[in-house]
Protein backbone atom coordinates (compact mmCIF):
# COMPACT_ATOMS: atom_id res chain seq x y z
CA GLU A 1 -0.18 0.00 -0.04
CA VAL A 2 1.32 3.47 -0.99
CA GLN A 3 1.29 6.22 1.70
CA LEU A 4 2.80 9.52 1.41
CA VAL A 5 3.12 11.54 4.78
CA GLU A 6 4.41 15.09 5.19
CA SER A 7 5.83 16.61 7.75
CA GLY A 8 7.87 20.01 8.63
CA GLY A 9 5.03 22.69 8.65
CA GLY A 10 4.57 24.90 11.62
CA LEU A 11 4.58 28.65 12.36
CA VAL A 12 7.77 31.05 11.34
CA GLN A 13 8.02 34.67 10.69
CA SER A 14 8.10 36.40 7.90
CA GLY A 15 11.61 35.68 6.07
CA GLY A 16 11.86 32.76 8.06
CA SER A 17 12.39 28.96 6.66
CA LEU A 18 10.96 25.57 6.85
CA ARG A 19 11.75 22.60 5.47
CA LEU A 20 8.89 20.22 4.36
CA SER A 21 9.30 16.50 3.94
CA CYS A 22 7.25 14.05 2.04
CA VAL A 23 7.92 10.48 2.82
CA ALA A 24 6.42 8.28 0.01
CA SER A 25 6.50 4.41 1.34
CA GLY A 26 5.22 1.35 -0.35
CA PHE A 27 6.39 2.21 -4.06
CA THR A 28 8.34 -0.64 -5.47
CA ASN A 29 10.83 1.46 -7.38
CA ASP A 30 11.66 5.17 -7.45
CA ASP A 31 10.15 6.07 -10.69
CA TYR A 32 7.21 8.41 -9.93
CA THR A 33 6.78 12.18 -9.99
CA ILE A 34 6.07 13.99 -6.73
CA GLY A 35 4.51 16.91 -6.71
CA TRP A 36 3.78 20.07 -4.16
CA PHE A 37 0.61 21.52 -3.79
CA ARG A 38 -0.87 24.35 -1.46
CA GLN A 39 -4.11 25.69 -0.69
CA ALA A 40 -5.10 28.27 1.41
CA PRO A 41 -8.55 29.30 2.73
CA GLY A 42 -10.92 30.65 -0.06
CA LYS A 43 -7.99 30.10 -3.03
CA GLU A 44 -7.64 27.66 -5.35
CA ARG A 45 -5.01 24.81 -5.14
CA GLU A 46 -1.71 25.78 -6.36
CA GLY A 47 0.92 24.04 -7.86
CA VAL A 48 4.21 24.88 -5.98
CA SER A 49 7.06 22.57 -7.62
CA CYS A 50 7.47 19.14 -8.31
CA ILE A 51 10.32 16.85 -9.12
CA LEU A 52 9.45 14.56 -12.35
CA ARG A 53 10.24 10.92 -12.82
CA GLY A 54 13.06 10.02 -14.97
CA PHE A 55 15.47 12.77 -15.50
CA GLY A 56 14.30 14.36 -12.63
CA GLY A 57 13.36 17.73 -13.76
CA THR A 58 11.95 20.49 -11.62
CA TYR A 59 9.53 22.78 -11.79
CA TYR A 60 8.28 25.85 -9.64
CA ALA A 61 5.61 28.16 -9.60
CA ASP A 62 6.43 31.76 -10.54
CA SER A 63 5.23 32.69 -7.10
CA VAL A 64 8.27 30.60 -5.25
CA LYS A 65 11.12 30.55 -7.75
CA GLY A 66 14.20 31.60 -5.98
CA ARG A 67 12.82 30.99 -2.79
CA PHE A 68 11.82 27.14 -2.55
CA THR A 69 13.97 24.43 -3.58
CA ILE A 70 12.66 20.65 -4.20
CA SER A 71 14.96 17.76 -3.81
CA ARG A 72 14.79 13.78 -3.68
CA ASP A 73 16.78 11.28 -1.45
CA ASN A 74 15.51 7.97 -3.01
CA ALA A 75 17.49 5.93 -0.23
CA LYS A 76 14.99 7.28 2.50
CA LYS A 77 11.92 7.55 0.16
CA THR A 78 11.77 11.12 0.91
CA VAL A 79 11.09 14.74 -1.35
CA TYR A 80 12.07 17.52 0.32
CA LEU A 81 10.64 21.39 -0.33
CA GLN A 82 13.19 23.77 1.44
CA MET A 83 11.48 27.13 1.80
CA ASN A 84 13.23 30.19 2.44
CA SER A 85 12.44 34.03 2.62
CA LEU A 86 8.74 32.81 3.68
CA LYS A 87 6.04 35.46 3.14
CA PRO A 88 2.61 35.55 4.86
CA GLU A 89 0.87 34.92 1.26
CA ASP A 90 3.19 31.49 1.70
CA THR A 91 0.61 30.53 4.52
CA ALA A 92 -1.64 27.28 3.45
CA VAL A 93 -1.71 23.75 3.83
CA TYR A 94 1.33 22.12 1.92
CA SER A 95 0.32 18.84 0.47
CA CYS A 96 2.33 15.99 -1.74
CA ALA A 97 1.22 13.83 -4.40
CA ALA A 98 2.73 11.17 -6.35
CA ASP A 99 2.23 9.64 -9.94
CA ARG A 100 3.68 6.85 -11.80
CA SER A 101 2.99 8.54 -15.17
CA TYR A 102 3.19 11.98 -15.26
CA SER A 103 6.62 13.31 -16.58
CA LEU A 104 5.87 16.88 -17.87
CA ALA A 105 6.01 20.29 -16.06
CA LYS A 106 2.44 20.86 -16.93
CA TYR A 107 1.05 18.05 -14.66
CA CYS A 108 2.45 20.19 -11.81
CA SER A 109 -0.06 22.72 -12.01
CA GLY A 110 -3.12 22.79 -9.38
CA GLU A 111 -5.45 21.40 -11.95
CA HIS A 112 -3.94 18.32 -12.15
CA TYR A 113 -3.91 17.54 -8.61
CA TRP A 114 -6.63 15.02 -8.27
CA GLY A 115 -5.49 13.22 -11.41
CA TYR A 116 -2.66 12.17 -9.30
CA ASP A 117 -2.35 8.49 -8.27
CA TYR A 118 -1.69 9.01 -4.37
CA TRP A 119 -1.96 12.02 -1.84
CA GLY A 120 -1.00 13.03 1.40
CA ARG A 121 -3.04 14.64 3.99
CA GLY A 122 -0.95 17.60 4.36
CA THR A 123 0.81 19.83 6.54
CA GLN A 124 -0.06 23.53 7.95
CA VAL A 125 2.60 26.16 7.01
CA THR A 126 1.68 29.76 8.87
CA VAL A 127 4.08 32.56 8.15
CA SER A 128 3.08 35.67 10.30
CA SER A 129 4.18 39.04 9.20
């Protein structure tokens, strides 16, 4: 059974940093795309970043480019989202999702979230001003 579990969220002041983790258990290999998504109250879900299966290409939403970094440790079955220079507008529930077939950056957008094969429950990130 595949499970995705996020951790690392919390409360941080504006300008601070957090590192989110998404542990993916149950996969028989490492050939899957992991996307990080976020949703704030009253707003649409946004694709924040993803790391693609195959060549491991990465995608970042314009809103986080230069501040967030996604990385993968296959030995630990974990994908990280390092978030620096956090802003109050980054406040949201952050969720990771995994898919065994998506390999293009277009699938990193929020509109494709429910097309992924598996989803975590999310972790809250709150950035105070």
